[in-house]
C-alpha atoms as a PDB file:
ATOM      1  CA  UNK A   1       0.000   0.000   0.000  1.00  0.00           C
ATOM      2  CA  UNK A   2       1.217   3.487  -0.883  1.00  0.00           C
ATOM      3  CA  UNK A   3       1.137   6.201   1.773  1.00  0.00           C
ATOM      4  CA  UNK A   4       1.935   9.847   1.082  1.00  0.00           C
ATOM      5  CA  UNK A   5       3.211  12.372   3.621  1.00  0.00           C
ATOM      6  CA  UNK A   6       5.407  15.426   4.017  1.00  0.00           C
ATOM      7  CA  UNK A   7       9.082  14.508   4.016  1.00  0.00           C
ATOM      8  CA  UNK A   8      11.297  14.650   7.066  1.00  0.00           C
ATOM      9  CA  UNK A   9      14.995  15.445   7.100  1.00  0.00           C
ATOM     10  CA  UNK A  10      15.817  11.749   7.500  1.00  0.00           C
ATOM     11  CA  UNK A  11      14.165  11.125   4.100  1.00  0.00           C
ATOM     12  CA  UNK A  12      16.717  13.333   2.332  1.00  0.00           C
ATOM     13  CA  UNK A  13      19.050  10.532   1.214  1.00  0.00           C
ATOM     14  CA  UNK A  14      16.194   8.498  -0.276  1.00  0.00           C
ATOM     15  CA  UNK A  15      14.837  11.603  -2.034  1.00  0.00           C
ATOM     16  CA  UNK A  16      18.280  12.416  -3.431  1.00  0.00           C
ATOM     17  CA  UNK A  17      18.739   8.842  -4.660  1.00  0.00           C
ATOM     18  CA  UNK A  18      15.335   8.785  -6.375  1.00  0.00           C
ATOM     19  CA  UNK A  19      15.797  12.195  -8.018  1.00  0.00           C
ATOM     20  CA  UNK A  20      19.290  11.343  -9.247  1.00  0.00           C
ATOM     21  CA  UNK A  21      18.305   7.965 -10.655  1.00  0.00           C
ATOM     22  CA  UNK A  22      15.124   9.300 -12.247  1.00  0.00           C
ATOM     23  CA  UNK A  23      16.958  12.272 -13.783  1.00  0.00           C
ATOM     24  CA  UNK A  24      19.525  10.007 -15.413  1.00  0.00           C
ATOM     25  CA  UNK A  25      16.894   7.599 -16.763  1.00  0.00           C
ATOM     26  CA  UNK A  26      14.404  10.270 -17.871  1.00  0.00           C
ATOM     27  CA  UNK A  27      16.824  12.636 -19.571  1.00  0.00           C
ATOM     28  CA  UNK A  28      19.630  10.415 -20.905  1.00  0.00           C
ATOM     29  CA  UNK A  29      18.428  10.888 -24.502  1.00  0.00           C
ATOM     30  CA  UNK A  30      17.309  14.506 -24.093  1.00  0.00           C
ATOM     31  CA  UNK A  31      20.247  16.271 -22.426  1.00  0.00           C
ATOM     32  CA  UNK A  32      24.015  16.045 -22.483  1.00  0.00           C
ATOM     33  CA  UNK A  33      25.621  13.905 -19.781  1.00  0.00           C
ATOM     34  CA  UNK A  34      27.421  17.002 -18.467  1.00  0.00           C
ATOM     35  CA  UNK A  35      24.163  18.920 -18.118  1.00  0.00           C
ATOM     36  CA  UNK A  36      22.451  16.009 -16.356  1.00  0.00           C
ATOM     37  CA  UNK A  37      25.268  15.723 -13.830  1.00  0.00           C
ATOM     38  CA  UNK A  38      25.311  19.509 -13.278  1.00  0.00           C
ATOM     39  CA  UNK A  39      21.585  19.599 -12.509  1.00  0.00           C
ATOM     40  CA  UNK A  40      21.923  16.606 -10.198  1.00  0.00           C
ATOM     41  CA  UNK A  41      24.844  18.263  -8.398  1.00  0.00           C
ATOM     42  CA  UNK A  42      23.069  21.626  -8.087  1.00  0.00           C
ATOM     43  CA  UNK A  43      19.547  20.525  -7.179  1.00  0.00           C
ATOM     44  CA  UNK A  44      19.716  16.991  -5.802  1.00  0.00           C
ATOM     45  CA  UNK A  45      22.663  17.137  -3.447  1.00  0.00           C
ATOM     46  CA  UNK A  46      22.076  15.893   0.080  1.00  0.00           C
ATOM     47  CA  UNK A  47      22.629  19.214   1.856  1.00  0.00           C
ATOM     48  CA  UNK A  48      20.159  21.066  -0.342  1.00  0.00           C
ATOM     49  CA  UNK A  49      17.514  18.381  -0.014  1.00  0.00           C
ATOM     50  CA  UNK A  50      17.921  18.283   3.779  1.00  0.00           C
ATOM     51  CA  UNK A  51      17.278  22.030   3.889  1.00  0.00           C
ATOM     52  CA  UNK A  52      14.346  21.750   1.497  1.00  0.00           C
ATOM     53  CA  UNK A  53      12.780  19.038   3.672  1.00  0.00           C
ATOM     54  CA  UNK A  54      12.597  21.596   6.491  1.00  0.00           C
ATOM     55  CA  UNK A  55      10.699  24.173   4.418  1.00  0.00           C
ATOM     56  CA  UNK A  56       6.959  24.515   4.469  1.00  0.00           C
ATOM     57  CA  UNK A  57       5.812  27.773   2.950  1.00  0.00           C
ATOM     58  CA  UNK A  58       3.837  29.144   0.053  1.00  0.00           C
ATOM     59  CA  UNK A  59       7.082  29.553  -1.917  1.00  0.00           C
ATOM     60  CA  UNK A  60       8.199  25.933  -1.415  1.00  0.00           C
ATOM     61  CA  UNK A  61       6.084  23.308   0.309  1.00  0.00           C
ATOM     62  CA  UNK A  62       9.043  21.086   1.073  1.00  0.00           C
ATOM     63  CA  UNK A  63       9.232  17.602  -0.343  1.00  0.00           C
ATOM     64  CA  UNK A  64       6.302  15.238  -0.148  1.00  0.00           C
ATOM     65  CA  UNK A  65       7.108  11.529  -0.326  1.00  0.00           C
ATOM     66  CA  UNK A  66       5.326   8.325  -1.213  1.00  0.00           C
ATOM     67  CA  UNK A  67       6.180   5.265   0.846  1.00  0.00           C
ATOM     68  CA  UNK A  68       5.640   1.589   0.218  1.00  0.00           C
ATOM     69  CA  UNK A  69       6.589  -0.874   2.953  1.00  0.00           C
ATOM     70  CA  UNK A  70       8.115   2.053   4.875  1.00  0.00           C
ATOM     71  CA  UNK A  71      10.542   2.860   2.040  1.00  0.00           C
ATOM     72  CA  UNK A  72      10.443   6.129   0.112  1.00  0.00           C
ATOM     73  CA  UNK A  73       9.584   5.331  -3.515  1.00  0.00           C
ATOM     74  CA  UNK A  74       8.749   8.758  -4.952  1.00  0.00           C
ATOM     75  CA  UNK A  75       8.642  12.472  -4.244  1.00  0.00           C
ATOM     76  CA  UNK A  76       6.984  15.679  -5.351  1.00  0.00           C
ATOM     77  CA  UNK A  77       7.499  19.339  -4.529  1.00  0.00           C
ATOM     78  CA  UNK A  78       5.852  22.583  -5.485  1.00  0.00           C
ATOM     79  CA  UNK A  79       4.777  26.079  -4.584  1.00  0.00           C
ATOM     80  CA  UNK A  80       1.961  28.586  -4.979  1.00  0.00           C
ATOM     81  CA  UNK A  81       1.825  32.081  -6.430  1.00  0.00           C
ATOM     82  CA  UNK A  82      -1.480  33.938  -6.346  1.00  0.00           C
ATOM     83  CA  UNK A  83      -4.110  31.419  -7.494  1.00  0.00           C
ATOM     84  CA  UNK A  84      -1.678  29.092  -9.288  1.00  0.00           C
ATOM     85  CA  UNK A  85      -0.140  25.926  -7.912  1.00  0.00           C
ATOM     86  CA  UNK A  86       3.189  24.861  -9.368  1.00  0.00           C
ATOM     87  CA  UNK A  87       4.783  21.439  -9.570  1.00  0.00           C
ATOM     88  CA  UNK A  88       8.556  21.769  -9.548  1.00  0.00           C
ATOM     89  CA  UNK A  89       9.631  18.178  -9.058  1.00  0.00           C
ATOM     90  CA  UNK A  90       7.917  14.790  -9.366  1.00  0.00           C
ATOM     91  CA  UNK A  91       9.958  11.605  -9.519  1.00  0.00           C
ATOM     92  CA  UNK A  92       9.270   7.954  -8.832  1.00  0.00           C
ATOM     93  CA  UNK A  93      11.817   5.155  -8.643  1.00  0.00           C
ATOM     94  CA  UNK A  94      12.107   4.188 -12.320  1.00  0.00           C
ATOM     95  CA  UNK A  95      11.488   0.474 -11.700  1.00  0.00           C
ATOM     96  CA  UNK A  96       8.199   1.291  -9.914  1.00  0.00           C
ATOM     97  CA  UNK A  97       6.560   3.514 -12.537  1.00  0.00           C
ATOM     98  CA  UNK A  98       3.049   2.674 -13.643  1.00  0.00           C
ATOM     99  CA  UNK A  99       1.840   1.628 -10.193  1.00  0.00           C
ATOM    100  CA  UNK A 100      -0.031   4.817  -9.252  1.00  0.00           C
ATOM    101  CA  UNK A 101       2.728   6.332  -7.116  1.00  0.00           C
ATOM    102  CA  UNK A 102       3.033   9.497  -9.210  1.00  0.00           C
ATOM    103  CA  UNK A 103      -0.738   9.893  -9.248  1.00  0.00           C
ATOM    104  CA  UNK A 104      -0.901   9.545  -5.453  1.00  0.00           C
ATOM    105  CA  UNK A 105       1.802  12.191  -5.049  1.00  0.00           C
ATOM    106  CA  UNK A 106       0.065  14.575  -7.457  1.00  0.00           C
ATOM    107  CA  UNK A 107      -3.279  14.109  -5.683  1.00  0.00           C
ATOM    108  CA  UNK A 108      -1.706  14.865  -2.288  1.00  0.00           C
ATOM    109  CA  UNK A 109       0.027  18.024  -3.552  1.00  0.00           C
ATOM    110  CA  UNK A 110      -3.085  19.220  -5.388  1.00  0.00           C
ATOM    111  CA  UNK A 111      -5.272  18.720  -2.316  1.00  0.00           C
ATOM    112  CA  UNK A 112      -2.755  20.559  -0.133  1.00  0.00           C
ATOM    113  CA  UNK A 113      -2.492  23.490  -2.553  1.00  0.00           C
ATOM    114  CA  UNK A 114      -6.243  23.738  -2.972  1.00  0.00           C
ATOM    115  CA  UNK A 115      -7.130  23.454   0.725  1.00  0.00           C
ATOM    116  CA  UNK A 116      -4.407  25.762   2.044  1.00  0.00           C
ATOM    117  CA  UNK A 117      -4.018  28.295  -0.774  1.00  0.00           C
ATOM    118  CA  UNK A 118      -7.277  28.092  -2.772  1.00  0.00           C
ATOM    119  CA  UNK A 119      -5.536  27.531  -6.097  1.00  0.00           C
ATOM    120  CA  UNK A 120      -7.644  27.662  -9.237  1.00  0.00           C
ATOM    121  CA  UNK A 121      -5.163  25.972 -11.549  1.00  0.00           C
ATOM    122  CA  UNK A 122      -1.843  24.132 -11.603  1.00  0.00           C
ATOM    123  CA  UNK A 123       1.159  24.475 -13.882  1.00  0.00           C
ATOM    124  CA  UNK A 124       4.128  22.285 -14.648  1.00  0.00           C
ATOM    125  CA  UNK A 125       7.036  22.595 -17.063  1.00  0.00           C
ATOM    126  CA  UNK A 126       8.001  19.353 -18.785  1.00  0.00           C
ATOM    127  CA  UNK A 127      11.071  18.948 -20.967  1.00  0.00           C
ATOM    128  CA  UNK A 128      10.187  18.844 -24.651  1.00  0.00           C
ATOM    129  CA  UNK A 129      10.404  15.209 -25.724  1.00  0.00           C
ATOM    130  CA  UNK A 130       9.965  13.792 -22.212  1.00  0.00           C
ATOM    131  CA  UNK A 131       8.002  10.695 -23.199  1.00  0.00           C
ATOM    132  CA  UNK A 132       7.535   9.698 -19.564  1.00  0.00           C
ATOM    133  CA  UNK A 133       6.320  12.998 -18.115  1.00  0.00           C
ATOM    134  CA  UNK A 134       4.146  14.393 -20.902  1.00  0.00           C
ATOM    135  CA  UNK A 135       1.693  11.442 -21.082  1.00  0.00           C
ATOM    136  CA  UNK A 136       1.441  11.394 -17.279  1.00  0.00           C
ATOM    137  CA  UNK A 137       0.425  15.040 -17.057  1.00  0.00           C
ATOM    138  CA  UNK A 138      -1.942  14.790 -20.033  1.00  0.00           C
ATOM    139  CA  UNK A 139      -3.617  11.811 -18.339  1.00  0.00           C
ATOM    140  CA  UNK A 140      -4.235  14.063 -15.345  1.00  0.00           C
ATOM    141  CA  UNK A 141      -5.903  16.792 -17.397  1.00  0.00           C
ATOM    142  CA  UNK A 142      -2.972  19.114 -18.065  1.00  0.00           C
ATOM    143  CA  UNK A 143      -3.087  20.882 -21.419  1.00  0.00           C
ATOM    144  CA  UNK A 144      -0.192  22.258 -23.430  1.00  0.00           C
ATOM    145  CA  UNK A 145       0.114  26.053 -23.166  1.00  0.00           C
ATOM    146  CA  UNK A 146       3.427  26.948 -24.799  1.00  0.00           C
ATOM    147  CA  UNK A 147       7.001  25.922 -25.467  1.00  0.00           C
ATOM    148  CA  UNK A 148       9.594  28.038 -23.644  1.00  0.00           C
ATOM    149  CA  UNK A 149      13.406  28.031 -23.377  1.00  0.00           C
ATOM    150  CA  UNK A 150      15.048  25.823 -20.759  1.00  0.00           C
ATOM    151  CA  UNK A 151      15.341  28.188 -17.770  1.00  0.00           C
ATOM    152  CA  UNK A 152      18.581  26.645 -16.512  1.00  0.00           C
ATOM    153  CA  UNK A 153      20.457  26.550 -19.826  1.00  0.00           C
ATOM    154  CA  UNK A 154      18.862  27.634 -23.107  1.00  0.00           C
ATOM    155  CA  UNK A 155      21.465  25.646 -25.056  1.00  0.00           C
ATOM    156  CA  UNK A 156      19.887  22.483 -23.597  1.00  0.00           C
ATOM    157  CA  UNK A 157      16.607  22.755 -25.468  1.00  0.00           C
ATOM    158  CA  UNK A 158      13.166  23.779 -24.337  1.00  0.00           C
ATOM    159  CA  UNK A 159      10.372  22.887 -21.967  1.00  0.00           C
ATOM    160  CA  UNK A 160       6.641  22.681 -22.488  1.00  0.00           C
ATOM    161  CA  UNK A 161       4.377  24.552 -20.114  1.00  0.00           C
ATOM    162  CA  UNK A 162       1.242  22.632 -19.158  1.00  0.00           C
ATOM    163  CA  UNK A 163      -1.731  23.800 -17.127  1.00  0.00           C
ATOM    164  CA  UNK A 164      -4.954  22.396 -15.711  1.00  0.00           C
ATOM    165  CA  UNK A 165      -7.941  23.916 -13.961  1.00  0.00           C
ATOM    166  CA  UNK A 166      -8.565  22.639 -10.446  1.00  0.00           C
END
């Protein structure tokens, strides 16, 4: 059975491991190896994730994790601005995809954003060509809005902005 909860600092290593593994698997054909490793180093290092597990604000809700048999198997994180909820990160252990873990995480985050911040819609940026992420978000009612430059490094392609009404 999958349970979803806000992450604690002791979850940081599991979150880092999942994000690193998922980044490598998801983006190996979309980004350069150097770029992948830079993003992993910048965003999914243990110290940063430990700090981000302690946050709980409108600007960053901290990480939310999915557990199965008391092991962290996925994570999501986001924020709110005005009446929009944002999804910044959503990763599941690659060998466990397709079991409803991502959907459970998205439902938890959406409920939290709606109940605490009265969001009217959600947005997510998905790398152009991400054949894992795009179908997932479309399945959950997100619609393509526009293609925009990669905000970290424009030389590494573009991202697609998706949105859904809540």
